[in-house]
Amino acid sequence: MSWHEDKIIPKGHQMSMKNALQVVSMGIFFKLMLPDWILKLTKRLQTIRIAYNELPVQIAHFTDIDRYFLNVIIQYL
């Protein structure tokens, strides 16, 4: 993944993977200490909640792509 594409938000997502990684790493304290309903109260906490929902989906997307290319390569071996 190129970090030069950090401003590109994939279709169907609310933030880029780089942004999601950054928000998750900076907001881990809030996610661990606060219940989900509190994470809906302010804009900053909403961003943390969105990032935690987005990151696993985007990671799964990349692993699906990797599996696809691995299967294509194996077919040609």
N, C-alpha and C. Protein backbone atom coordinates (compact mmCIF):
# COMPACT_ATOMS: atom_id res chain seq x y z
N MET A 1 0.85 -1.18 0.00
CA MET A 1 0.00 0.00 0.00
C MET A 1 0.89 1.24 0.00
N SER A 2 0.57 2.14 -0.85
CA SER A 2 1.33 3.38 -0.94
C SER A 2 0.73 4.42 -0.01
N TRP A 3 1.58 5.06 0.79
CA TRP A 3 1.09 6.10 1.69
C TRP A 3 0.80 7.39 0.94
N HIS A 4 1.15 7.43 -0.34
CA HIS A 4 0.83 8.61 -1.16
C HIS A 4 -0.66 8.67 -1.48
N GLU A 5 -1.33 7.56 -1.32
CA GLU A 5 -2.76 7.50 -1.61
C GLU A 5 -3.58 7.70 -0.34
N ASP A 6 -3.01 8.33 0.66
CA ASP A 6 -3.65 8.43 1.97
C ASP A 6 -4.90 9.30 1.95
N LYS A 7 -5.09 10.11 0.96
CA LYS A 7 -6.28 10.96 0.89
C LYS A 7 -7.44 10.30 0.17
N ILE A 8 -7.17 9.15 -0.44
CA ILE A 8 -8.20 8.44 -1.19
C ILE A 8 -9.03 7.59 -0.22
N ILE A 9 -10.33 7.86 -0.20
CA ILE A 9 -11.24 7.07 0.63
C ILE A 9 -11.92 6.06 -0.29
N PRO A 10 -11.72 4.76 -0.01
CA PRO A 10 -12.33 3.75 -0.88
C PRO A 10 -13.85 3.86 -0.90
N LYS A 11 -14.43 3.49 -2.02
CA LYS A 11 -15.88 3.54 -2.17
C LYS A 11 -16.53 2.66 -1.10
N GLY A 12 -17.54 3.21 -0.45
CA GLY A 12 -18.25 2.47 0.59
C GLY A 12 -17.64 2.62 1.98
N HIS A 13 -16.59 3.43 2.10
CA HIS A 13 -15.94 3.65 3.39
C HIS A 13 -16.06 5.11 3.79
N GLN A 14 -15.79 5.38 5.06
CA GLN A 14 -15.91 6.74 5.56
C GLN A 14 -14.56 7.41 5.77
N MET A 15 -13.47 6.63 5.75
CA MET A 15 -12.14 7.22 5.89
C MET A 15 -11.11 6.31 5.24
N SER A 16 -9.95 6.89 4.96
CA SER A 16 -8.87 6.12 4.34
C SER A 16 -8.27 5.16 5.37
N MET A 17 -7.57 4.16 4.88
CA MET A 17 -6.95 3.20 5.79
C MET A 17 -5.89 3.87 6.65
N LYS A 18 -5.11 4.78 6.06
CA LYS A 18 -4.09 5.48 6.83
C LYS A 18 -4.72 6.29 7.95
N ASN A 19 -5.80 6.99 7.64
CA ASN A 19 -6.49 7.79 8.64
C ASN A 19 -7.07 6.89 9.74
N ALA A 20 -7.66 5.77 9.33
CA ALA A 20 -8.21 4.82 10.31
C ALA A 20 -7.12 4.29 11.23
N LEU A 21 -5.97 3.94 10.67
CA LEU A 21 -4.86 3.46 11.50
C LEU A 21 -4.40 4.53 12.49
N GLN A 22 -4.32 5.74 12.03
CA GLN A 22 -3.88 6.84 12.89
C GLN A 22 -4.88 7.08 14.02
N VAL A 23 -6.16 7.14 13.69
CA VAL A 23 -7.19 7.40 14.70
C VAL A 23 -7.26 6.24 15.71
N VAL A 24 -7.17 5.00 15.23
CA VAL A 24 -7.21 3.85 16.12
C VAL A 24 -6.03 3.88 17.08
N SER A 25 -4.86 4.17 16.58
CA SER A 25 -3.68 4.17 17.46
C SER A 25 -3.73 5.32 18.47
N MET A 26 -4.27 6.45 18.09
CA MET A 26 -4.35 7.59 19.01
C MET A 26 -5.55 7.49 19.96
N GLY A 27 -6.59 6.76 19.56
CA GLY A 27 -7.81 6.72 20.36
C GLY A 27 -8.03 5.43 21.12
N ILE A 28 -6.99 4.62 21.24
CA ILE A 28 -7.15 3.32 21.88
C ILE A 28 -7.60 3.45 23.34
N PHE A 29 -7.10 4.45 24.03
CA PHE A 29 -7.49 4.66 25.43
C PHE A 29 -9.00 4.86 25.54
N PHE A 30 -9.55 5.71 24.69
CA PHE A 30 -10.98 5.99 24.72
C PHE A 30 -11.80 4.74 24.41
N LYS A 31 -11.36 3.98 23.42
CA LYS A 31 -12.08 2.77 23.02
C LYS A 31 -12.07 1.73 24.14
N LEU A 32 -10.95 1.61 24.82
CA LEU A 32 -10.84 0.62 25.89
C LEU A 32 -11.59 1.02 27.16
N MET A 33 -11.65 2.31 27.43
CA MET A 33 -12.19 2.76 28.70
C MET A 33 -13.66 3.20 28.65
N LEU A 34 -14.18 3.50 27.49
CA LEU A 34 -15.54 4.04 27.38
C LEU A 34 -16.48 3.05 26.70
N PRO A 35 -17.72 3.00 27.16
CA PRO A 35 -18.70 2.14 26.45
C PRO A 35 -19.05 2.74 25.09
N ASP A 36 -19.57 1.90 24.22
CA ASP A 36 -19.87 2.34 22.85
C ASP A 36 -20.85 3.50 22.79
N TRP A 37 -21.83 3.56 23.66
CA TRP A 37 -22.81 4.63 23.58
C TRP A 37 -22.19 5.99 23.85
N ILE A 38 -21.13 6.05 24.64
CA ILE A 38 -20.44 7.33 24.89
C ILE A 38 -19.65 7.76 23.65
N LEU A 39 -19.20 6.79 22.87
CA LEU A 39 -18.43 7.10 21.66
C LEU A 39 -19.29 7.75 20.58
N LYS A 40 -20.57 7.95 20.85
CA LYS A 40 -21.45 8.62 19.89
C LYS A 40 -21.73 10.07 20.28
N LEU A 41 -21.18 10.53 21.41
CA LEU A 41 -21.57 11.83 21.95
C LEU A 41 -20.88 13.03 21.31
N THR A 42 -19.59 12.93 21.01
CA THR A 42 -18.88 14.06 20.43
C THR A 42 -18.31 13.68 19.07
N LYS A 43 -17.95 14.67 18.29
CA LYS A 43 -17.38 14.44 16.95
C LYS A 43 -16.08 13.63 17.05
N ARG A 44 -15.22 13.97 17.99
CA ARG A 44 -13.94 13.25 18.15
C ARG A 44 -14.17 11.79 18.51
N LEU A 45 -15.08 11.54 19.44
CA LEU A 45 -15.37 10.17 19.85
C LEU A 45 -16.07 9.40 18.73
N GLN A 46 -16.90 10.07 17.95
CA GLN A 46 -17.54 9.43 16.79
C GLN A 46 -16.49 9.01 15.76
N THR A 47 -15.48 9.85 15.57
CA THR A 47 -14.40 9.52 14.64
C THR A 47 -13.65 8.28 15.09
N ILE A 48 -13.42 8.16 16.39
CA ILE A 48 -12.74 6.97 16.93
C ILE A 48 -13.60 5.73 16.70
N ARG A 49 -14.90 5.85 16.95
CA ARG A 49 -15.80 4.71 16.74
C ARG A 49 -15.84 4.30 15.28
N ILE A 50 -15.90 5.26 14.38
CA ILE A 50 -15.91 4.97 12.95
C ILE A 50 -14.61 4.29 12.53
N ALA A 51 -13.48 4.79 13.03
CA ALA A 51 -12.17 4.21 12.68
C ALA A 51 -12.09 2.76 13.13
N TYR A 52 -12.57 2.46 14.32
CA TYR A 52 -12.55 1.08 14.81
C TYR A 52 -13.46 0.17 14.01
N ASN A 53 -14.51 0.71 13.44
CA ASN A 53 -15.38 -0.09 12.57
C ASN A 53 -14.80 -0.23 11.17
N GLU A 54 -14.12 0.79 10.69
CA GLU A 54 -13.58 0.80 9.33
C GLU A 54 -12.33 -0.07 9.18
N LEU A 55 -11.43 -0.01 10.13
CA LEU A 55 -10.12 -0.65 9.98
C LEU A 55 -10.22 -2.15 9.70
N PRO A 56 -10.98 -2.93 10.46
CA PRO A 56 -11.05 -4.36 10.15
C PRO A 56 -11.62 -4.65 8.76
N VAL A 57 -12.56 -3.84 8.32
CA VAL A 57 -13.15 -4.04 6.99
C VAL A 57 -12.11 -3.78 5.91
N GLN A 58 -11.35 -2.71 6.08
CA GLN A 58 -10.33 -2.39 5.08
C GLN A 58 -9.20 -3.41 5.08
N ILE A 59 -8.82 -3.89 6.25
CA ILE A 59 -7.78 -4.93 6.31
C ILE A 59 -8.28 -6.20 5.64
N ALA A 60 -9.52 -6.57 5.90
CA ALA A 60 -10.10 -7.76 5.26
C ALA A 60 -10.13 -7.59 3.75
N HIS A 61 -10.41 -6.39 3.28
CA HIS A 61 -10.42 -6.12 1.83
C HIS A 61 -9.04 -6.40 1.24
N PHE A 62 -7.99 -5.92 1.90
CA PHE A 62 -6.64 -6.15 1.39
C PHE A 62 -6.25 -7.61 1.45
N THR A 63 -6.66 -8.34 2.48
CA THR A 63 -6.32 -9.76 2.54
C THR A 63 -7.08 -10.54 1.48
N ASP A 64 -8.31 -10.13 1.17
CA ASP A 64 -9.05 -10.78 0.09
C ASP A 64 -8.35 -10.59 -1.24
N ILE A 65 -7.85 -9.39 -1.47
CA ILE A 65 -7.10 -9.12 -2.71
C ILE A 65 -5.85 -9.98 -2.76
N ASP A 66 -5.14 -10.08 -1.63
CA ASP A 66 -3.93 -10.90 -1.59
C ASP A 66 -4.25 -12.37 -1.86
N ARG A 67 -5.35 -12.88 -1.31
CA ARG A 67 -5.74 -14.27 -1.56
C ARG A 67 -6.08 -14.47 -3.03
N TYR A 68 -6.73 -13.51 -3.63
CA TYR A 68 -7.08 -13.62 -5.04
C TYR A 68 -5.82 -13.75 -5.90
N PHE A 69 -4.86 -12.85 -5.67
CA PHE A 69 -3.63 -12.88 -6.46
C PHE A 69 -2.82 -14.14 -6.18
N LEU A 70 -2.83 -14.62 -4.95
CA LEU A 70 -2.13 -15.85 -4.62
C LEU A 70 -2.75 -17.02 -5.39
N ASN A 71 -4.07 -17.07 -5.45
CA ASN A 71 -4.75 -18.14 -6.20
C ASN A 71 -4.44 -18.06 -7.68
N VAL A 72 -4.37 -16.86 -8.23
CA VAL A 72 -4.03 -16.69 -9.64
C VAL A 72 -2.61 -17.17 -9.91
N ILE A 73 -1.68 -16.83 -9.04
CA ILE A 73 -0.28 -17.25 -9.20
C ILE A 73 -0.17 -18.77 -9.10
N ILE A 74 -0.87 -19.37 -8.15
CA ILE A 74 -0.81 -20.82 -7.97
C ILE A 74 -1.34 -21.54 -9.21
N GLN A 75 -2.36 -21.00 -9.86
CA GLN A 75 -2.92 -21.61 -11.06
C GLN A 75 -1.89 -21.67 -12.19
N TYR A 76 -0.98 -20.70 -12.22
CA TYR A 76 0.00 -20.66 -13.32
C TYR A 76 1.26 -21.43 -13.00
N LEU A 77 1.40 -21.97 -11.80
CA LEU A 77 2.60 -22.74 -11.44
C LEU A 77 2.52 -24.16 -11.92
